């Protein structure tokens, strides 16, 4: 979500069958710079676990969304998202782990995630296809709710996580709920 009342956020969820050590992993937007935003503070992310990156402070974001202390949050993001942008997740060796290009102006028919987050069904996980995403609405299939500031989303939870048998998936994937 970008330009939310409670600040923008990006959510990464381990939908793989094994834990992922995010030490050395990084995020960047459409400039695609490896190492731009260090995600090492997440450490080991278990299967089904979601972690959050937000421009607000960890404490403010946690309070706005009533998140428990078990949800891992990195606050103070300054590489902010725009209406038409890209989310790039790089692993510890600098390889692209996942990417999502979005923007309702550049990709007609796609969702606009201003003050409302988006979520993807399992069929769209790992695909760079914003047309497979749904705009959050309070009480929807992903369990979206309204924040203290009036934004809609479900940060900290991806209810559709499926955990494949180890070895059936070439690598762990991450899904964005931005």
C-alpha atoms as a PDB file:
ATOM      1  CA  UNK A   1       0.000   0.000   0.000  1.00  0.00           C
ATOM      2  CA  UNK A   2       1.239   3.476  -0.768  1.00  0.00           C
ATOM      3  CA  UNK A   3       0.255   6.832   0.749  1.00  0.00           C
ATOM      4  CA  UNK A   4      -1.856   5.271   3.485  1.00  0.00           C
ATOM      5  CA  UNK A   5      -2.976   7.266   6.517  1.00  0.00           C
ATOM      6  CA  UNK A   6      -0.853   4.891   8.604  1.00  0.00           C
ATOM      7  CA  UNK A   7       2.021   5.038   6.101  1.00  0.00           C
ATOM      8  CA  UNK A   8       2.805   2.655   3.288  1.00  0.00           C
ATOM      9  CA  UNK A   9       3.893  -0.930   3.765  1.00  0.00           C
ATOM     10  CA  UNK A  10       5.097  -3.996   1.905  1.00  0.00           C
ATOM     11  CA  UNK A  11       4.533  -7.515   3.180  1.00  0.00           C
ATOM     12  CA  UNK A  12       6.699 -10.512   2.381  1.00  0.00           C
ATOM     13  CA  UNK A  13       5.384 -14.002   3.184  1.00  0.00           C
ATOM     14  CA  UNK A  14       7.287 -17.262   3.071  1.00  0.00           C
ATOM     15  CA  UNK A  15       4.927 -19.529   1.132  1.00  0.00           C
ATOM     16  CA  UNK A  16       7.565 -22.221   0.739  1.00  0.00           C
ATOM     17  CA  UNK A  17       7.913 -25.425   2.713  1.00  0.00           C
ATOM     18  CA  UNK A  18      11.116 -24.506   4.564  1.00  0.00           C
ATOM     19  CA  UNK A  19      12.326 -21.615   6.682  1.00  0.00           C
ATOM     20  CA  UNK A  20      14.194 -18.844   4.839  1.00  0.00           C
ATOM     21  CA  UNK A  21      17.071 -16.932   6.410  1.00  0.00           C
ATOM     22  CA  UNK A  22      16.649 -13.368   5.146  1.00  0.00           C
ATOM     23  CA  UNK A  23      20.074 -12.279   6.389  1.00  0.00           C
ATOM     24  CA  UNK A  24      21.657 -10.394   3.501  1.00  0.00           C
ATOM     25  CA  UNK A  25      18.363 -10.104   1.593  1.00  0.00           C
ATOM     26  CA  UNK A  26      17.281  -6.701   0.292  1.00  0.00           C
ATOM     27  CA  UNK A  27      14.435  -4.766  -1.265  1.00  0.00           C
ATOM     28  CA  UNK A  28      14.323  -2.001  -3.849  1.00  0.00           C
ATOM     29  CA  UNK A  29      11.726  -0.363  -6.046  1.00  0.00           C
ATOM     30  CA  UNK A  30      11.922   0.155  -9.811  1.00  0.00           C
ATOM     31  CA  UNK A  31      15.558   1.274  -9.651  1.00  0.00           C
ATOM     32  CA  UNK A  32      16.356  -2.436  -9.011  1.00  0.00           C
ATOM     33  CA  UNK A  33      19.412  -1.731  -6.847  1.00  0.00           C
ATOM     34  CA  UNK A  34      20.590  -4.807  -4.953  1.00  0.00           C
ATOM     35  CA  UNK A  35      21.192  -3.951  -1.300  1.00  0.00           C
ATOM     36  CA  UNK A  36      19.157  -0.712  -1.324  1.00  0.00           C
ATOM     37  CA  UNK A  37      17.100  -1.666   1.750  1.00  0.00           C
ATOM     38  CA  UNK A  38      18.629  -4.325   3.983  1.00  0.00           C
ATOM     39  CA  UNK A  39      16.152  -6.929   5.251  1.00  0.00           C
ATOM     40  CA  UNK A  40      18.587  -8.858   7.471  1.00  0.00           C
ATOM     41  CA  UNK A  41      16.687  -7.848  10.627  1.00  0.00           C
ATOM     42  CA  UNK A  42      13.954 -10.346   9.687  1.00  0.00           C
ATOM     43  CA  UNK A  43      16.361 -13.223  10.277  1.00  0.00           C
ATOM     44  CA  UNK A  44      14.764 -16.648   9.904  1.00  0.00           C
ATOM     45  CA  UNK A  45      11.263 -16.495   8.380  1.00  0.00           C
ATOM     46  CA  UNK A  46       9.256 -19.665   8.950  1.00  0.00           C
ATOM     47  CA  UNK A  47       6.855 -21.244   6.423  1.00  0.00           C
ATOM     48  CA  UNK A  48       3.647 -19.212   6.442  1.00  0.00           C
ATOM     49  CA  UNK A  49       5.208 -16.327   8.336  1.00  0.00           C
ATOM     50  CA  UNK A  50       4.772 -12.764   7.071  1.00  0.00           C
ATOM     51  CA  UNK A  51       7.145  -9.856   7.694  1.00  0.00           C
ATOM     52  CA  UNK A  52       6.496  -6.169   7.087  1.00  0.00           C
ATOM     53  CA  UNK A  53       8.459  -3.208   5.748  1.00  0.00           C
ATOM     54  CA  UNK A  54       6.916   0.214   6.435  1.00  0.00           C
ATOM     55  CA  UNK A  55       7.806   3.877   6.250  1.00  0.00           C
ATOM     56  CA  UNK A  56       6.367   4.553   9.711  1.00  0.00           C
ATOM     57  CA  UNK A  57       8.095   3.510  12.912  1.00  0.00           C
ATOM     58  CA  UNK A  58       7.628  -0.080  14.011  1.00  0.00           C
ATOM     59  CA  UNK A  59       5.713   1.017  17.125  1.00  0.00           C
ATOM     60  CA  UNK A  60       3.358   3.367  15.257  1.00  0.00           C
ATOM     61  CA  UNK A  61       2.610   0.810  12.540  1.00  0.00           C
ATOM     62  CA  UNK A  62       2.030  -1.964  15.076  1.00  0.00           C
ATOM     63  CA  UNK A  63      -0.388   0.273  17.033  1.00  0.00           C
ATOM     64  CA  UNK A  64      -2.284   1.465  13.924  1.00  0.00           C
ATOM     65  CA  UNK A  65      -2.978  -2.111  12.790  1.00  0.00           C
ATOM     66  CA  UNK A  66      -3.231  -3.703  16.285  1.00  0.00           C
ATOM     67  CA  UNK A  67      -0.438  -6.156  15.455  1.00  0.00           C
ATOM     68  CA  UNK A  68       1.004  -8.487  18.056  1.00  0.00           C
ATOM     69  CA  UNK A  69       4.637  -8.346  19.068  1.00  0.00           C
ATOM     70  CA  UNK A  70       5.224 -11.614  17.186  1.00  0.00           C
ATOM     71  CA  UNK A  71       4.866  -9.862  13.795  1.00  0.00           C
ATOM     72  CA  UNK A  72       8.290  -8.766  12.546  1.00  0.00           C
ATOM     73  CA  UNK A  73       8.395  -5.194  11.275  1.00  0.00           C
ATOM     74  CA  UNK A  74      11.194  -3.081   9.837  1.00  0.00           C
ATOM     75  CA  UNK A  75      10.210   0.581  10.078  1.00  0.00           C
ATOM     76  CA  UNK A  76      11.647   3.768   8.638  1.00  0.00           C
ATOM     77  CA  UNK A  77      11.472   2.812   4.946  1.00  0.00           C
ATOM     78  CA  UNK A  78      12.623   5.740   2.791  1.00  0.00           C
ATOM     79  CA  UNK A  79      12.594   3.944  -0.578  1.00  0.00           C
ATOM     80  CA  UNK A  80       8.922   4.695  -0.962  1.00  0.00           C
ATOM     81  CA  UNK A  81       6.414   3.269  -3.381  1.00  0.00           C
ATOM     82  CA  UNK A  82       4.571   5.216  -6.021  1.00  0.00           C
ATOM     83  CA  UNK A  83       1.330   4.747  -7.904  1.00  0.00           C
ATOM     84  CA  UNK A  84       3.198   3.025 -10.738  1.00  0.00           C
ATOM     85  CA  UNK A  85       6.247   1.262  -9.348  1.00  0.00           C
ATOM     86  CA  UNK A  86       7.931  -2.053  -8.785  1.00  0.00           C
ATOM     87  CA  UNK A  87       8.786  -4.208  -5.781  1.00  0.00           C
ATOM     88  CA  UNK A  88      12.008  -6.224  -6.072  1.00  0.00           C
ATOM     89  CA  UNK A  89      13.172  -8.768  -3.510  1.00  0.00           C
ATOM     90  CA  UNK A  90      16.793  -9.915  -3.723  1.00  0.00           C
ATOM     91  CA  UNK A  91      18.276 -12.879  -1.863  1.00  0.00           C
ATOM     92  CA  UNK A  92      21.591 -12.962   0.003  1.00  0.00           C
ATOM     93  CA  UNK A  93      23.637 -13.521  -3.181  1.00  0.00           C
ATOM     94  CA  UNK A  94      21.865 -10.696  -5.023  1.00  0.00           C
ATOM     95  CA  UNK A  95      19.654 -12.911  -7.177  1.00  0.00           C
ATOM     96  CA  UNK A  96      16.125 -11.708  -7.838  1.00  0.00           C
ATOM     97  CA  UNK A  97      13.846 -13.788  -5.587  1.00  0.00           C
ATOM     98  CA  UNK A  98      10.593 -12.115  -6.624  1.00  0.00           C
ATOM     99  CA  UNK A  99       9.257  -9.055  -8.415  1.00  0.00           C
ATOM    100  CA  UNK A 100       5.922  -7.310  -8.746  1.00  0.00           C
ATOM    101  CA  UNK A 101       5.400  -4.491 -11.235  1.00  0.00           C
ATOM    102  CA  UNK A 102       2.194  -2.588 -10.626  1.00  0.00           C
ATOM    103  CA  UNK A 103       0.362   0.621 -11.429  1.00  0.00           C
ATOM    104  CA  UNK A 104      -3.182   1.318 -12.491  1.00  0.00           C
ATOM    105  CA  UNK A 105      -1.967   4.032 -14.880  1.00  0.00           C
ATOM    106  CA  UNK A 106       0.602   1.858 -16.677  1.00  0.00           C
ATOM    107  CA  UNK A 107      -1.345  -1.402 -16.386  1.00  0.00           C
ATOM    108  CA  UNK A 108      -5.022  -0.574 -17.073  1.00  0.00           C
ATOM    109  CA  UNK A 109      -7.465  -2.766 -15.204  1.00  0.00           C
ATOM    110  CA  UNK A 110      -5.107  -3.363 -12.295  1.00  0.00           C
ATOM    111  CA  UNK A 111      -5.745  -2.350  -8.713  1.00  0.00           C
ATOM    112  CA  UNK A 112      -4.765   0.990  -7.198  1.00  0.00           C
ATOM    113  CA  UNK A 113      -3.292   0.381  -3.748  1.00  0.00           C
ATOM    114  CA  UNK A 114      -3.573   3.892  -2.352  1.00  0.00           C
ATOM    115  CA  UNK A 115      -4.945   3.559   1.221  1.00  0.00           C
ATOM    116  CA  UNK A 116      -5.925  -0.078   0.499  1.00  0.00           C
ATOM    117  CA  UNK A 117      -3.561  -3.002   0.201  1.00  0.00           C
ATOM    118  CA  UNK A 118      -3.761  -5.726  -2.384  1.00  0.00           C
ATOM    119  CA  UNK A 119      -3.557  -9.480  -1.990  1.00  0.00           C
ATOM    120  CA  UNK A 120      -2.937 -12.353  -4.354  1.00  0.00           C
ATOM    121  CA  UNK A 121      -4.568 -15.774  -4.523  1.00  0.00           C
ATOM    122  CA  UNK A 122      -2.214 -18.778  -4.464  1.00  0.00           C
ATOM    123  CA  UNK A 123      -2.374 -19.167  -8.271  1.00  0.00           C
ATOM    124  CA  UNK A 124      -0.710 -15.770  -8.651  1.00  0.00           C
ATOM    125  CA  UNK A 125       2.104 -16.323  -6.141  1.00  0.00           C
ATOM    126  CA  UNK A 126       5.518 -15.810  -7.721  1.00  0.00           C
ATOM    127  CA  UNK A 127       4.089 -14.340 -10.909  1.00  0.00           C
ATOM    128  CA  UNK A 128       4.805 -10.762 -11.859  1.00  0.00           C
ATOM    129  CA  UNK A 129       1.165 -10.161 -12.759  1.00  0.00           C
ATOM    130  CA  UNK A 130      -0.692  -7.453 -10.848  1.00  0.00           C
ATOM    131  CA  UNK A 131      -3.887  -8.425 -12.681  1.00  0.00           C
ATOM    132  CA  UNK A 132      -4.017 -11.502 -10.416  1.00  0.00           C
ATOM    133  CA  UNK A 133      -4.304  -9.293  -7.319  1.00  0.00           C
ATOM    134  CA  UNK A 134      -7.450  -8.166  -5.471  1.00  0.00           C
ATOM    135  CA  UNK A 135      -7.972  -4.864  -3.682  1.00  0.00           C
ATOM    136  CA  UNK A 136      -8.471  -5.292   0.075  1.00  0.00           C
ATOM    137  CA  UNK A 137     -11.890  -4.670   1.587  1.00  0.00           C
ATOM    138  CA  UNK A 138     -12.803  -5.124   5.236  1.00  0.00           C
ATOM    139  CA  UNK A 139     -13.975  -8.696   5.858  1.00  0.00           C
ATOM    140  CA  UNK A 140     -12.793 -10.073   2.493  1.00  0.00           C
ATOM    141  CA  UNK A 141     -11.414 -13.590   1.880  1.00  0.00           C
ATOM    142  CA  UNK A 142      -7.951 -12.527   3.057  1.00  0.00           C
ATOM    143  CA  UNK A 143      -9.254 -11.263   6.409  1.00  0.00           C
ATOM    144  CA  UNK A 144      -8.697  -7.592   5.656  1.00  0.00           C
ATOM    145  CA  UNK A 145      -9.636  -5.036   8.265  1.00  0.00           C
ATOM    146  CA  UNK A 146      -9.520  -1.266   8.765  1.00  0.00           C
ATOM    147  CA  UNK A 147      -6.572   0.395  10.525  1.00  0.00           C
ATOM    148  CA  UNK A 148      -6.839   3.155  13.120  1.00  0.00           C
ATOM    149  CA  UNK A 149      -6.322   5.662  10.291  1.00  0.00           C
ATOM    150  CA  UNK A 150      -8.959   4.153   7.981  1.00  0.00           C
ATOM    151  CA  UNK A 151      -6.698   2.161   5.625  1.00  0.00           C
ATOM    152  CA  UNK A 152      -7.815  -1.323   4.523  1.00  0.00           C
ATOM    153  CA  UNK A 153      -5.534  -4.339   4.502  1.00  0.00           C
ATOM    154  CA  UNK A 154      -4.324  -7.410   6.356  1.00  0.00           C
ATOM    155  CA  UNK A 155      -0.681  -6.772   7.281  1.00  0.00           C
ATOM    156  CA  UNK A 156       1.054  -9.601   9.078  1.00  0.00           C
ATOM    157  CA  UNK A 157      -1.147 -12.401   7.756  1.00  0.00           C
ATOM    158  CA  UNK A 158      -1.368 -14.237   4.445  1.00  0.00           C
ATOM    159  CA  UNK A 159      -4.224 -16.727   4.969  1.00  0.00           C
ATOM    160  CA  UNK A 160      -3.678 -18.627   1.732  1.00  0.00           C
ATOM    161  CA  UNK A 161      -0.206 -19.941   2.576  1.00  0.00           C
ATOM    162  CA  UNK A 162       0.333 -23.409   1.239  1.00  0.00           C
ATOM    163  CA  UNK A 163       3.349 -25.400   2.211  1.00  0.00           C
ATOM    164  CA  UNK A 164       4.554 -27.754  -0.508  1.00  0.00           C
ATOM    165  CA  UNK A 165       6.436 -30.908   0.293  1.00  0.00           C
ATOM    166  CA  UNK A 166      10.148 -30.009   0.489  1.00  0.00           C
ATOM    167  CA  UNK A 167      11.819 -30.780  -2.813  1.00  0.00           C
ATOM    168  CA  UNK A 168       8.692 -30.197  -4.908  1.00  0.00           C
ATOM    169  CA  UNK A 169       9.399 -26.510  -5.292  1.00  0.00           C
ATOM    170  CA  UNK A 170      12.702 -25.323  -6.769  1.00  0.00           C
ATOM    171  CA  UNK A 171      13.068 -22.514  -4.231  1.00  0.00           C
ATOM    172  CA  UNK A 172      11.155 -20.693  -1.564  1.00  0.00           C
ATOM    173  CA  UNK A 173       8.969 -17.909  -2.848  1.00  0.00           C
ATOM    174  CA  UNK A 174       7.862 -14.709  -1.284  1.00  0.00           C
ATOM    175  CA  UNK A 175       4.578 -12.994  -1.942  1.00  0.00           C
ATOM    176  CA  UNK A 176       3.910  -9.291  -1.621  1.00  0.00           C
ATOM    177  CA  UNK A 177       0.838  -7.826  -0.089  1.00  0.00           C
ATOM    178  CA  UNK A 178       1.615  -4.199  -0.675  1.00  0.00           C
END
